[in-house]
Amino acid sequence: MEIAKKGDWVQIHQIVLKPEERAEHLPADTKEVPLELWVKGFAQHDAKIGEEIEIKTVTGRTVVGELFAINPRYVHDFGNYVPELTKVDMQLKDELFGGEN
């Protein structure tokens, strides 16, 4: 099992609100799931994956949660491919930089 050492860059997970604690005015599918918090920061003590750990974020905030990952990677995603956007992109480039004028 992986162990985070004090000072390691880690990611924690925390349940902020259980489904029964969520606001009544939320859509039904939202109310059925917990409100979760995922935060990255520096481990303030050693801990194993799944254990509770205190971290300090880059903004200096102290947060406690379940250790989820050590040296988590950054993943950026803009969703699924939309063919129409490529068509619009090509049309715009043609009008702005190509074409007859």
C-alpha atoms as a PDB file:
ATOM      1  CA  MET A   1       0.000   0.000   0.000  1.00  0.00           C
ATOM      2  CA  GLU A   2       1.231   3.454  -0.901  1.00  0.00           C
ATOM      3  CA  ILE A   3       2.193   5.774   1.928  1.00  0.00           C
ATOM      4  CA  ALA A   4       2.277   9.552   1.686  1.00  0.00           C
ATOM      5  CA  LYS A   5       5.087  11.194   3.607  1.00  0.00           C
ATOM      6  CA  LYS A   6       4.845  14.597   5.247  1.00  0.00           C
ATOM      7  CA  GLY A   7       5.319  17.231   2.538  1.00  0.00           C
ATOM      8  CA  ASP A   8       4.138  15.021  -0.368  1.00  0.00           C
ATOM      9  CA  TRP A   9       1.689  16.486  -2.906  1.00  0.00           C
ATOM     10  CA  VAL A  10      -1.562  14.575  -2.387  1.00  0.00           C
ATOM     11  CA  GLN A  11      -5.280  14.608  -3.132  1.00  0.00           C
ATOM     12  CA  ILE A  12      -7.957  14.045  -0.516  1.00  0.00           C
ATOM     13  CA  HIS A  13     -11.663  13.261  -0.701  1.00  0.00           C
ATOM     14  CA  GLN A  14     -14.368  14.344   1.696  1.00  0.00           C
ATOM     15  CA  ILE A  15     -18.154  13.949   1.846  1.00  0.00           C
ATOM     16  CA  VAL A  16     -19.437  17.450   2.594  1.00  0.00           C
ATOM     17  CA  LEU A  17     -23.141  16.569   2.692  1.00  0.00           C
ATOM     18  CA  LYS A  18     -24.869  13.192   2.680  1.00  0.00           C
ATOM     19  CA  PRO A  19     -27.839  12.832   0.292  1.00  0.00           C
ATOM     20  CA  GLU A  20     -30.337  13.301   3.143  1.00  0.00           C
ATOM     21  CA  GLU A  21     -28.588  16.554   4.151  1.00  0.00           C
ATOM     22  CA  ARG A  22     -28.831  18.166   0.696  1.00  0.00           C
ATOM     23  CA  ALA A  23     -31.170  21.122   0.048  1.00  0.00           C
ATOM     24  CA  GLU A  24     -34.751  20.289  -0.852  1.00  0.00           C
ATOM     25  CA  HIS A  25     -34.919  22.539  -3.933  1.00  0.00           C
ATOM     26  CA  LEU A  26     -32.223  20.556  -5.818  1.00  0.00           C
ATOM     27  CA  PRO A  27     -33.156  18.362  -8.794  1.00  0.00           C
ATOM     28  CA  ALA A  28     -33.964  14.789  -7.735  1.00  0.00           C
ATOM     29  CA  ASP A  29     -30.903  13.228  -9.385  1.00  0.00           C
ATOM     30  CA  THR A  30     -28.643  15.723  -7.580  1.00  0.00           C
ATOM     31  CA  LYS A  31     -30.275  15.162  -4.187  1.00  0.00           C
ATOM     32  CA  GLU A  32     -29.711  11.409  -4.483  1.00  0.00           C
ATOM     33  CA  VAL A  33     -25.909  11.690  -4.342  1.00  0.00           C
ATOM     34  CA  PRO A  34     -23.592  13.168  -1.722  1.00  0.00           C
ATOM     35  CA  LEU A  35     -21.870  16.521  -2.175  1.00  0.00           C
ATOM     36  CA  GLU A  36     -18.189  15.611  -2.489  1.00  0.00           C
ATOM     37  CA  LEU A  37     -15.016  17.639  -2.117  1.00  0.00           C
ATOM     38  CA  TRP A  38     -11.723  16.813  -3.815  1.00  0.00           C
ATOM     39  CA  VAL A  39      -8.717  18.901  -2.766  1.00  0.00           C
ATOM     40  CA  LYS A  40      -4.984  18.801  -3.516  1.00  0.00           C
ATOM     41  CA  GLY A  41      -2.288  19.965  -1.143  1.00  0.00           C
ATOM     42  CA  PHE A  42       0.761  19.052   0.916  1.00  0.00           C
ATOM     43  CA  ALA A  43       0.522  16.214   3.456  1.00  0.00           C
ATOM     44  CA  GLN A  44       1.001  17.438   7.005  1.00  0.00           C
ATOM     45  CA  HIS A  45       1.865  13.947   8.291  1.00  0.00           C
ATOM     46  CA  ASP A  46       2.418  10.416   6.975  1.00  0.00           C
ATOM     47  CA  ALA A  47      -0.674   8.401   5.976  1.00  0.00           C
ATOM     48  CA  LYS A  48      -1.743   5.463   3.846  1.00  0.00           C
ATOM     49  CA  ILE A  49      -4.242   5.638   0.979  1.00  0.00           C
ATOM     50  CA  GLY A  50      -7.719   5.524   2.537  1.00  0.00           C
ATOM     51  CA  GLU A  51      -6.630   6.972   5.874  1.00  0.00           C
ATOM     52  CA  GLU A  52      -7.605  10.380   7.176  1.00  0.00           C
ATOM     53  CA  ILE A  53      -4.977  13.030   6.562  1.00  0.00           C
ATOM     54  CA  GLU A  54      -4.559  16.764   7.050  1.00  0.00           C
ATOM     55  CA  ILE A  55      -3.251  18.768   4.114  1.00  0.00           C
ATOM     56  CA  LYS A  56      -2.253  22.374   3.494  1.00  0.00           C
ATOM     57  CA  THR A  57      -3.356  23.781   0.142  1.00  0.00           C
ATOM     58  CA  VAL A  58      -1.288  26.177  -1.970  1.00  0.00           C
ATOM     59  CA  THR A  59      -3.471  28.996  -0.609  1.00  0.00           C
ATOM     60  CA  GLY A  60      -2.567  28.024   2.958  1.00  0.00           C
ATOM     61  CA  ARG A  61      -5.929  26.458   3.845  1.00  0.00           C
ATOM     62  CA  THR A  62      -5.871  23.389   6.111  1.00  0.00           C
ATOM     63  CA  VAL A  63      -8.285  20.612   5.097  1.00  0.00           C
ATOM     64  CA  VAL A  64      -8.855  17.107   6.483  1.00  0.00           C
ATOM     65  CA  GLY A  65     -10.097  14.206   4.388  1.00  0.00           C
ATOM     66  CA  GLU A  66      -9.447  10.673   3.187  1.00  0.00           C
ATOM     67  CA  LEU A  67      -6.151  10.279   1.324  1.00  0.00           C
ATOM     68  CA  PHE A  68      -7.093   9.459  -2.252  1.00  0.00           C
ATOM     69  CA  ALA A  69      -3.885   9.852  -4.287  1.00  0.00           C
ATOM     70  CA  ILE A  70      -0.198  10.621  -3.926  1.00  0.00           C
ATOM     71  CA  ASN A  71       1.302  12.880  -6.600  1.00  0.00           C
ATOM     72  CA  PRO A  72      -2.057  13.119  -8.425  1.00  0.00           C
ATOM     73  CA  ARG A  73      -1.893  13.944 -12.096  1.00  0.00           C
ATOM     74  CA  TYR A  74      -3.688  16.816 -13.723  1.00  0.00           C
ATOM     75  CA  VAL A  75      -6.264  15.765 -16.287  1.00  0.00           C
ATOM     76  CA  HIS A  76      -8.022  18.377 -18.399  1.00  0.00           C
ATOM     77  CA  ASP A  77     -10.915  17.447 -20.629  1.00  0.00           C
ATOM     78  CA  PHE A  78     -13.247  19.506 -22.772  1.00  0.00           C
ATOM     79  CA  GLY A  79     -15.755  16.715 -23.291  1.00  0.00           C
ATOM     80  CA  ASN A  80     -16.594  14.546 -26.265  1.00  0.00           C
ATOM     81  CA  TYR A  81     -15.726  15.470 -29.829  1.00  0.00           C
ATOM     82  CA  VAL A  82     -18.411  17.583 -31.521  1.00  0.00           C
ATOM     83  CA  PRO A  83     -18.127  17.403 -35.349  1.00  0.00           C
ATOM     84  CA  GLU A  84     -20.137  20.602 -35.823  1.00  0.00           C
ATOM     85  CA  LEU A  85     -17.491  22.594 -33.932  1.00  0.00           C
ATOM     86  CA  THR A  86     -14.769  21.440 -36.318  1.00  0.00           C
ATOM     87  CA  LYS A  87     -16.910  22.490 -39.273  1.00  0.00           C
ATOM     88  CA  VAL A  88     -17.504  25.935 -37.728  1.00  0.00           C
ATOM     89  CA  ASP A  89     -13.781  26.246 -36.913  1.00  0.00           C
ATOM     90  CA  MET A  90     -12.832  25.533 -40.533  1.00  0.00           C
ATOM     91  CA  GLN A  91     -15.483  27.943 -41.876  1.00  0.00           C
ATOM     92  CA  LEU A  92     -14.304  30.736 -39.586  1.00  0.00           C
ATOM     93  CA  LYS A  93     -10.658  30.250 -40.506  1.00  0.00           C
ATOM     94  CA  ASP A  94     -11.576  30.287 -44.181  1.00  0.00           C
ATOM     95  CA  GLU A  95     -13.594  33.499 -43.793  1.00  0.00           C
ATOM     96  CA  LEU A  96     -11.010  35.247 -41.619  1.00  0.00           C
ATOM     97  CA  PHE A  97      -7.770  34.142 -43.250  1.00  0.00           C
ATOM     98  CA  GLY A  98      -8.623  32.571 -46.587  1.00  0.00           C
ATOM     99  CA  GLY A  99     -11.395  32.987 -49.049  1.00  0.00           C
ATOM    100  CA  GLU A 100     -11.586  35.309 -52.008  1.00  0.00           C
ATOM    101  CA  ASN A 101     -11.217  38.637 -50.145  1.00  0.00           C
END
